[in-house]
Protein backbone atom coordinates (compact mmCIF):
# COMPACT_ATOMS: atom_id res chain seq x y z
CA MET A 1 148.54 63.81 105.93
CA ALA A 2 150.51 66.86 104.86
CA GLU A 3 154.13 66.66 105.96
CA LYS A 4 155.08 69.09 108.70
CA THR A 5 158.31 70.99 108.69
CA SER A 6 160.01 73.06 111.34
CA SER A 7 161.24 75.69 108.87
CA ALA A 8 158.85 78.35 110.12
CA GLN A 9 160.43 80.91 112.39
CA PRO A 10 159.60 80.56 116.12
CA MET A 11 157.03 83.03 117.43
CA GLY A 12 158.31 83.26 121.01
CA HIS A 13 156.66 80.04 122.17
CA PRO A 14 157.27 76.27 121.83
CA PHE A 15 153.82 75.31 120.49
CA TRP A 16 152.47 74.13 117.15
CA PRO A 17 151.62 75.45 114.65
CA ARG A 18 154.73 77.58 114.89
CA ASP A 19 153.07 80.71 113.47
CA MET A 20 150.38 80.68 116.17
CA ILE A 21 150.12 83.93 118.12
CA ILE A 22 149.62 83.65 121.91
CA PRO A 23 149.14 87.05 123.57
CA ASN A 24 150.78 87.59 126.98
CA TYR A 25 152.52 84.20 126.88
CA LYS A 26 155.19 83.65 129.55
CA ALA A 27 157.56 80.71 129.35
CA ASN A 28 157.67 78.25 132.25
CA ASP A 29 160.30 78.75 134.91
CA ARG A 30 159.91 75.13 136.05
CA SER A 31 161.50 72.26 134.16
CA MET A 32 159.76 69.36 132.47
CA SER A 33 161.30 66.93 134.97
CA GLU A 34 160.00 68.96 137.92
CA ILE A 35 156.47 69.03 136.52
CA LEU A 36 156.40 65.34 135.55
CA THR A 37 157.91 64.32 138.90
CA PHE A 38 155.07 66.10 140.69
CA LEU A 39 152.40 64.51 138.48
CA PHE A 40 153.67 60.95 138.74
CA SER A 41 154.67 61.22 142.40
CA VAL A 42 151.20 62.34 143.49
CA SER A 43 149.60 59.71 141.26
CA GLY A 44 151.91 57.06 142.72
CA VAL A 45 151.09 58.03 146.30
CA LEU A 46 147.37 57.88 145.51
CA LEU A 47 147.78 54.47 143.88
CA VAL A 48 149.53 53.08 146.96
CA ALA A 49 146.99 54.69 149.32
CA ALA A 50 144.06 53.27 147.34
CA TRP A 51 145.67 49.83 147.21
CA VAL A 52 146.12 49.81 151.00
CA LEU A 53 142.63 51.19 151.65
CA THR A 54 140.93 48.62 149.43
CA GLY A 55 142.76 45.75 151.15
CA ASN A 56 140.21 45.78 153.97
CA GLN A 57 137.22 43.47 153.94
CA VAL A 58 134.07 44.67 152.18
CA ALA A 59 130.77 43.07 153.27
CA GLY A 60 132.65 40.24 154.96
CA LYS A 61 135.02 39.48 152.07
CA LYS A 62 138.11 40.94 150.48
CA LEU A 63 138.13 42.58 147.09
CA SER A 64 140.05 40.76 144.36
CA GLY A 65 143.37 42.11 143.14
CA TRP A 66 141.75 43.10 139.84
CA ARG A 67 138.99 45.03 141.61
CA ARG A 68 141.51 46.81 143.81
CA LEU A 69 143.49 47.88 140.73
CA ALA A 70 140.28 49.24 139.19
CA LEU A 71 139.64 51.30 142.32
CA CYS A 72 143.23 52.56 142.24
CA TRP A 73 142.54 53.72 138.68
CA PHE A 74 139.41 55.59 139.72
CA THR A 75 141.25 57.20 142.64
CA VAL A 76 143.88 58.61 140.30
CA CYS A 77 141.13 59.63 137.87
CA GLY A 78 139.45 61.55 140.67
CA PHE A 79 142.66 63.49 141.30
CA ILE A 80 143.42 64.18 137.64
CA HIS A 81 139.84 65.09 136.69
CA CYS A 82 139.01 67.20 139.75
CA VAL A 83 142.34 68.91 140.43
CA ILE A 84 144.36 69.08 137.22
CA GLU A 85 141.56 69.25 134.66
CA GLY A 86 139.48 71.25 137.10
CA TRP A 87 142.26 73.85 137.18
CA PHE A 88 142.17 74.10 133.40
CA SER A 89 138.39 74.44 133.28
CA PHE A 90 138.51 77.39 135.72
CA TYR A 91 141.71 79.15 134.69
CA TYR A 92 142.07 78.49 130.96
CA PRO A 93 141.77 82.23 130.08
CA VAL A 94 144.94 83.11 132.03
CA ILE A 95 147.06 79.96 131.71
CA PRO A 96 149.36 81.36 128.95
CA GLU A 97 150.58 84.13 131.25
CA ASP A 98 150.09 82.49 134.66
CA GLN A 99 153.08 81.00 136.51
CA SER A 100 151.14 78.94 139.07
CA PHE A 101 152.39 75.37 139.19
CA LEU A 102 149.31 73.81 137.60
CA SER A 103 149.23 76.46 134.90
CA GLN A 104 152.84 75.62 134.12
CA LEU A 105 151.85 71.94 133.99
CA TRP A 106 149.27 72.80 131.33
CA LYS A 107 151.77 74.89 129.40
CA GLU A 108 154.13 71.93 129.43
CA TYR A 109 151.39 69.56 128.26
CA SER A 110 150.39 72.04 125.53
CA LYS A 111 153.65 71.26 123.79
CA GLY A 112 151.92 68.04 122.84
CA ASP A 113 148.51 69.62 122.19
CA SER A 114 148.37 73.39 121.78
CA ARG A 115 144.58 73.38 121.86
CA TYR A 116 144.97 73.85 125.62
CA ILE A 117 147.14 76.93 125.42
CA ILE A 118 144.68 78.63 123.04
CA ALA A 119 141.59 77.46 125.01
CA ASP A 120 140.07 75.64 122.04
CA ASN A 121 136.27 75.35 122.42
CA PHE A 122 136.29 71.55 122.36
CA THR A 123 138.97 71.16 125.03
CA VAL A 124 137.34 73.72 127.34
CA CYS A 125 133.93 72.06 127.08
CA MET A 126 135.30 68.51 127.35
CA GLU A 127 137.53 69.26 130.34
CA THR A 128 134.78 71.17 132.15
CA VAL A 129 132.38 68.23 131.82
CA THR A 130 135.15 65.85 132.89
CA ALA A 131 136.10 67.93 135.93
CA CYS A 132 132.51 68.51 137.08
CA PHE A 133 131.16 65.01 136.50
CA TRP A 134 133.71 62.25 135.89
CA GLY A 135 136.03 63.47 138.65
CA PRO A 136 133.54 63.40 141.54
CA PHE A 137 131.87 60.29 140.09
CA SER A 138 135.23 58.49 140.03
CA LEU A 139 135.63 59.07 143.77
CA TRP A 140 132.00 58.05 144.29
CA ILE A 141 132.79 54.73 142.60
CA VAL A 142 135.57 54.06 145.11
CA VAL A 143 133.21 54.76 148.01
CA ALA A 144 130.46 52.66 146.40
CA PHE A 145 132.73 49.63 146.16
CA LEU A 146 134.14 50.09 149.66
CA TYR A 147 130.59 50.09 151.06
CA ASN A 148 129.33 47.47 148.59
CA HIS A 149 126.51 49.65 147.25
CA SER A 150 124.20 47.96 144.75
CA TYR A 151 124.69 50.70 142.12
CA ARG A 152 128.50 50.45 142.02
CA PHE A 153 128.70 48.81 138.59
CA VAL A 154 126.16 51.24 137.16
CA LEU A 155 128.43 54.11 138.22
CA GLN A 156 131.46 52.33 136.80
CA LEU A 157 129.67 51.89 133.47
CA ILE A 158 128.53 55.53 133.31
CA VAL A 159 131.95 57.01 134.10
CA SER A 160 133.86 54.61 131.84
CA LEU A 161 131.52 55.33 128.93
CA GLY A 162 131.96 59.07 129.50
CA GLN A 163 135.75 58.75 129.63
CA LEU A 164 135.88 56.58 126.51
CA TYR A 165 133.58 58.89 124.57
CA GLY A 166 135.63 61.95 125.54
CA ALA A 167 138.93 60.29 124.60
CA VAL A 168 137.61 59.15 121.22
CA LEU A 169 136.40 62.68 120.43
CA TYR A 170 139.72 64.06 121.67
CA PHE A 171 141.70 61.99 119.18
CA TYR A 172 139.18 62.21 116.36
CA THR A 173 138.89 66.01 116.41
CA GLU A 174 142.68 66.34 116.28
CA HIS A 175 142.87 63.77 113.49
CA ARG A 176 140.46 65.89 111.46
CA ASP A 177 142.74 68.88 112.12
CA ASP A 178 145.63 66.86 110.61
CA TYR A 179 147.49 66.77 113.96
CA MET A 180 148.39 70.41 113.53
CA HIS A 181 148.54 71.16 117.27
CA SER A 182 151.62 69.08 117.99
CA GLU A 183 155.00 68.29 116.48
CA PHE A 184 153.91 65.12 114.71
CA GLY A 185 156.15 62.16 115.59
CA HIS A 186 158.02 63.85 118.44
CA PRO A 187 158.89 61.06 120.95
CA ILE A 188 157.86 63.03 124.04
CA TYR A 189 155.34 65.65 122.97
CA PHE A 190 153.43 63.65 120.38
CA TRP A 191 153.90 60.00 121.33
CA PHE A 192 154.05 60.33 125.13
CA TYR A 193 152.02 63.45 126.00
CA PHE A 194 149.40 63.39 123.28
CA THR A 195 149.15 59.71 122.35
CA PHE A 196 150.12 57.48 125.28
CA MET A 197 148.78 59.55 128.17
CA ASN A 198 145.38 59.89 126.50
CA PHE A 199 145.20 56.40 125.02
CA LEU A 200 145.01 55.10 128.60
CA TRP A 201 141.52 56.65 128.75
CA ILE A 202 140.49 54.45 125.85
CA VAL A 203 142.01 51.11 126.84
CA ILE A 204 141.20 51.08 130.57
CA PRO A 205 137.64 52.45 130.33
CA PHE A 206 136.90 49.93 127.57
CA ILE A 207 138.02 47.08 129.85
CA LEU A 208 135.88 48.47 132.68
CA ILE A 209 132.86 48.80 130.37
CA VAL A 210 133.19 45.12 129.48
CA ASP A 211 133.52 44.32 133.19
CA SER A 212 130.39 46.33 134.03
CA TRP A 213 128.48 44.74 131.16
CA SER A 214 129.39 41.27 132.43
CA GLN A 215 128.48 42.03 136.04
CA LEU A 216 125.17 43.73 135.24
CA SER A 217 124.18 41.08 132.69
CA SER A 218 124.86 38.31 135.21
CA THR A 219 122.81 40.09 137.84
CA GLN A 220 119.93 40.63 135.42
CA ALA A 221 120.03 36.99 134.34
CA LEU A 222 119.88 35.91 138.00
CA SER A 223 116.99 38.28 138.66
CA ASP A 224 115.09 36.97 135.64
CA SER A 225 115.58 33.35 136.69
CA THR A 226 114.41 34.15 140.23
CA LYS A 227 111.23 35.79 138.92
CA ASP A 228 110.47 32.75 136.79
CA LYS A 229 110.75 30.24 139.67
CA PRO A 230 107.45 31.04 141.46
CA LYS A 231 105.57 30.62 138.19
CA ALA A 232 107.19 27.27 137.57
CA GLN A 233 106.44 26.07 141.11
CA LYS A 234 102.82 27.23 140.84
CA GLY A 235 102.45 25.25 137.62
CA LYS A 236 103.69 22.07 139.33
CA LYS A 237 101.20 22.40 142.22
CA SER A 238 98.25 22.67 139.85
CA HIS A 239 98.83 19.13 138.46
């Protein structure tokens, strides 16, 4: 990877590459701490609410702690995909100049990935699909588990595969661009914003895919064994 330097003169914005031109850009008037406090506070409230909600009995039994944590994850995903990423998918043309709170959140995040501030084609398409499908589907998963619907693990598999696929493409496309849209190695912008916050959508969906695979495979094995029983019993009666 070519070594990056910060010798280029600033162009009136905090994004990389430093010589990038962003017409009509207005700097945030809200601090990083204010924006991050909002994001993690809302996420925390939703986590607690989902944990309490899923503590009730479902079909005569209580959900396990692991299952409740998974539903907490999907609740937060619903918020992030529908609200935050939904905002980007609708307002990406005006985010550089807009001072709405969520636009400022995206301008802050763009310090770790400037593809968002320039409305890169990949990020617009990926976030639009995520907001329109994986957001509502994440909330549907929570409802499906609360009401013990038979398709709940199918939904979990679909959404987790979609999230994993999107995250892999997110990292891979930036890798092919030589990480030019962030200050490579910066502890907050590169390692926390770009790497850690997105790597969650690789690790957790992968675990949930394995969980769905296990649950659906067990169910199919049980169904297959049940179908074979009448044949076996019929064979015994004929002797």
